[in-house]
Amino acid sequence: MSSTSQKHKEFVAEPMGEKPAYVVLGQFLVLKKDEELFRDWLKDTCGANVKQQGDCYGCLREWCDSFL
Protein backbone atom coordinates (compact mmCIF):
# COMPACT_ATOMS: atom_id res chain seq x y z
CA MET A 1 0.00 0.00 0.00
CA SER A 2 1.43 3.38 -0.98
CA SER A 3 1.53 6.29 1.42
CA THR A 4 0.02 9.68 0.72
CA SER A 5 2.45 12.59 0.66
CA GLN A 6 1.96 15.60 2.90
CA LYS A 7 1.65 17.80 -0.19
CA HIS A 8 -1.18 15.58 -1.49
CA LYS A 9 -2.96 15.64 1.89
CA GLU A 10 -2.79 19.44 1.97
CA PHE A 11 -4.01 19.70 -1.63
CA VAL A 12 -7.08 17.53 -1.13
CA ALA A 13 -7.93 19.34 2.11
CA GLU A 14 -8.32 22.68 0.33
CA PRO A 15 -11.14 23.91 -1.90
CA MET A 16 -10.29 24.71 -5.51
CA GLY A 17 -10.57 28.47 -5.74
CA GLU A 18 -14.00 29.36 -4.39
CA LYS A 19 -15.41 25.94 -5.20
CA PRO A 20 -15.33 22.88 -2.95
CA ALA A 21 -13.90 19.71 -4.49
CA TYR A 22 -17.30 18.09 -5.05
CA VAL A 23 -18.24 20.93 -7.43
CA VAL A 24 -15.13 20.17 -9.49
CA LEU A 25 -16.08 16.48 -9.66
CA GLY A 26 -19.63 17.44 -10.59
CA GLN A 27 -18.44 19.63 -13.46
CA PHE A 28 -16.14 16.83 -14.63
CA LEU A 29 -19.17 14.53 -14.81
CA VAL A 30 -21.43 17.18 -16.39
CA LEU A 31 -18.81 17.56 -19.13
CA LYS A 32 -18.99 13.77 -19.60
CA LYS A 33 -15.32 13.34 -18.63
CA ASP A 34 -14.23 15.14 -21.81
CA GLU A 35 -10.61 16.11 -21.25
CA GLU A 36 -10.49 19.16 -23.51
CA LEU A 37 -13.74 20.66 -22.18
CA PHE A 38 -12.73 20.00 -18.57
CA ARG A 39 -9.27 21.53 -19.02
CA ASP A 40 -10.83 24.62 -20.62
CA TRP A 41 -13.29 24.90 -17.72
CA LEU A 42 -10.46 24.67 -15.16
CA LYS A 43 -8.46 27.33 -16.99
CA ASP A 44 -11.43 29.68 -17.25
CA THR A 45 -12.73 29.06 -13.72
CA CYS A 46 -9.60 29.19 -11.61
CA GLY A 47 -6.71 29.95 -13.95
CA ALA A 48 -5.22 26.45 -13.72
CA ASN A 49 -2.04 26.04 -15.74
CA VAL A 50 -1.43 23.09 -18.09
CA LYS A 51 0.18 20.91 -15.41
CA GLN A 52 -2.58 21.61 -12.90
CA GLN A 53 -5.21 20.88 -15.54
CA GLY A 54 -3.58 17.55 -16.40
CA ASP A 55 -3.10 16.55 -12.77
CA CYS A 56 -6.70 17.35 -11.89
CA TYR A 57 -8.11 15.61 -14.95
CA GLY A 58 -5.96 12.52 -14.37
CA CYS A 59 -6.88 12.32 -10.71
CA LEU A 60 -10.62 12.61 -11.35
CA ARG A 61 -10.48 10.19 -14.28
CA GLU A 62 -8.63 7.61 -12.17
CA TRP A 63 -11.05 8.04 -9.26
CA CYS A 64 -14.10 7.69 -11.52
CA ASP A 65 -12.64 4.62 -13.22
CA SER A 66 -12.13 3.05 -9.80
CA PHE A 67 -15.36 4.01 -8.05
CA LEU A 68 -18.09 4.79 -10.60
C-alpha atoms as a PDB file:
ATOM      1  CA  MET A   1       0.000   0.000   0.000  1.00  0.00           C
ATOM      2  CA  SER A   2       1.431   3.376  -0.976  1.00  0.00           C
ATOM      3  CA  SER A   3       1.531   6.287   1.415  1.00  0.00           C
ATOM      4  CA  THR A   4       0.024   9.683   0.719  1.00  0.00           C
ATOM      5  CA  SER A   5       2.454  12.586   0.665  1.00  0.00           C
ATOM      6  CA  GLN A   6       1.960  15.599   2.899  1.00  0.00           C
ATOM      7  CA  LYS A   7       1.651  17.795  -0.190  1.00  0.00           C
ATOM      8  CA  HIS A   8      -1.181  15.584  -1.487  1.00  0.00           C
ATOM      9  CA  LYS A   9      -2.957  15.639   1.888  1.00  0.00           C
ATOM     10  CA  GLU A  10      -2.793  19.438   1.968  1.00  0.00           C
ATOM     11  CA  PHE A  11      -4.011  19.702  -1.630  1.00  0.00           C
ATOM     12  CA  VAL A  12      -7.083  17.534  -1.134  1.00  0.00           C
ATOM     13  CA  ALA A  13      -7.929  19.339   2.112  1.00  0.00           C
ATOM     14  CA  GLU A  14      -8.321  22.684   0.328  1.00  0.00           C
ATOM     15  CA  PRO A  15     -11.137  23.915  -1.898  1.00  0.00           C
ATOM     16  CA  MET A  16     -10.289  24.708  -5.514  1.00  0.00           C
ATOM     17  CA  GLY A  17     -10.571  28.466  -5.742  1.00  0.00           C
ATOM     18  CA  GLU A  18     -13.999  29.364  -4.391  1.00  0.00           C
ATOM     19  CA  LYS A  19     -15.412  25.938  -5.203  1.00  0.00           C
ATOM     20  CA  PRO A  20     -15.330  22.883  -2.946  1.00  0.00           C
ATOM     21  CA  ALA A  21     -13.898  19.712  -4.494  1.00  0.00           C
ATOM     22  CA  TYR A  22     -17.301  18.090  -5.052  1.00  0.00           C
ATOM     23  CA  VAL A  23     -18.240  20.932  -7.425  1.00  0.00           C
ATOM     24  CA  VAL A  24     -15.127  20.175  -9.488  1.00  0.00           C
ATOM     25  CA  LEU A  25     -16.079  16.483  -9.655  1.00  0.00           C
ATOM     26  CA  GLY A  26     -19.628  17.443 -10.593  1.00  0.00           C
ATOM     27  CA  GLN A  27     -18.437  19.630 -13.459  1.00  0.00           C
ATOM     28  CA  PHE A  28     -16.136  16.828 -14.631  1.00  0.00           C
ATOM     29  CA  LEU A  29     -19.166  14.533 -14.814  1.00  0.00           C
ATOM     30  CA  VAL A  30     -21.428  17.181 -16.394  1.00  0.00           C
ATOM     31  CA  LEU A  31     -18.812  17.561 -19.134  1.00  0.00           C
ATOM     32  CA  LYS A  32     -18.985  13.767 -19.596  1.00  0.00           C
ATOM     33  CA  LYS A  33     -15.319  13.343 -18.626  1.00  0.00           C
ATOM     34  CA  ASP A  34     -14.229  15.141 -21.807  1.00  0.00           C
ATOM     35  CA  GLU A  35     -10.606  16.110 -21.251  1.00  0.00           C
ATOM     36  CA  GLU A  36     -10.495  19.164 -23.510  1.00  0.00           C
ATOM     37  CA  LEU A  37     -13.737  20.656 -22.182  1.00  0.00           C
ATOM     38  CA  PHE A  38     -12.725  20.001 -18.571  1.00  0.00           C
ATOM     39  CA  ARG A  39      -9.274  21.531 -19.018  1.00  0.00           C
ATOM     40  CA  ASP A  40     -10.826  24.618 -20.617  1.00  0.00           C
ATOM     41  CA  TRP A  41     -13.292  24.897 -17.722  1.00  0.00           C
ATOM     42  CA  LEU A  42     -10.460  24.672 -15.162  1.00  0.00           C
ATOM     43  CA  LYS A  43      -8.457  27.325 -16.989  1.00  0.00           C
ATOM     44  CA  ASP A  44     -11.431  29.680 -17.246  1.00  0.00           C
ATOM     45  CA  THR A  45     -12.728  29.059 -13.719  1.00  0.00           C
ATOM     46  CA  CYS A  46      -9.596  29.195 -11.606  1.00  0.00           C
ATOM     47  CA  GLY A  47      -6.706  29.947 -13.945  1.00  0.00           C
ATOM     48  CA  ALA A  48      -5.219  26.454 -13.718  1.00  0.00           C
ATOM     49  CA  ASN A  49      -2.037  26.036 -15.740  1.00  0.00           C
ATOM     50  CA  VAL A  50      -1.428  23.091 -18.094  1.00  0.00           C
ATOM     51  CA  LYS A  51       0.180  20.912 -15.411  1.00  0.00           C
ATOM     52  CA  GLN A  52      -2.581  21.605 -12.895  1.00  0.00           C
ATOM     53  CA  GLN A  53      -5.213  20.876 -15.535  1.00  0.00           C
ATOM     54  CA  GLY A  54      -3.582  17.553 -16.395  1.00  0.00           C
ATOM     55  CA  ASP A  55      -3.102  16.553 -12.769  1.00  0.00           C
ATOM     56  CA  CYS A  56      -6.699  17.348 -11.885  1.00  0.00           C
ATOM     57  CA  TYR A  57      -8.112  15.606 -14.954  1.00  0.00           C
ATOM     58  CA  GLY A  58      -5.961  12.522 -14.372  1.00  0.00           C
ATOM     59  CA  CYS A  59      -6.879  12.320 -10.709  1.00  0.00           C
ATOM     60  CA  LEU A  60     -10.616  12.607 -11.349  1.00  0.00           C
ATOM     61  CA  ARG A  61     -10.478  10.185 -14.276  1.00  0.00           C
ATOM     62  CA  GLU A  62      -8.634   7.606 -12.172  1.00  0.00           C
ATOM     63  CA  TRP A  63     -11.049   8.041  -9.257  1.00  0.00           C
ATOM     64  CA  CYS A  64     -14.096   7.695 -11.525  1.00  0.00           C
ATOM     65  CA  ASP A  65     -12.645   4.618 -13.224  1.00  0.00           C
ATOM     66  CA  SER A  66     -12.132   3.050  -9.802  1.00  0.00           C
ATOM     67  CA  PHE A  67     -15.357   4.009  -8.053  1.00  0.00           C
ATOM     68  CA  LEU A  68     -18.092   4.793 -10.605  1.00  0.00           C
END
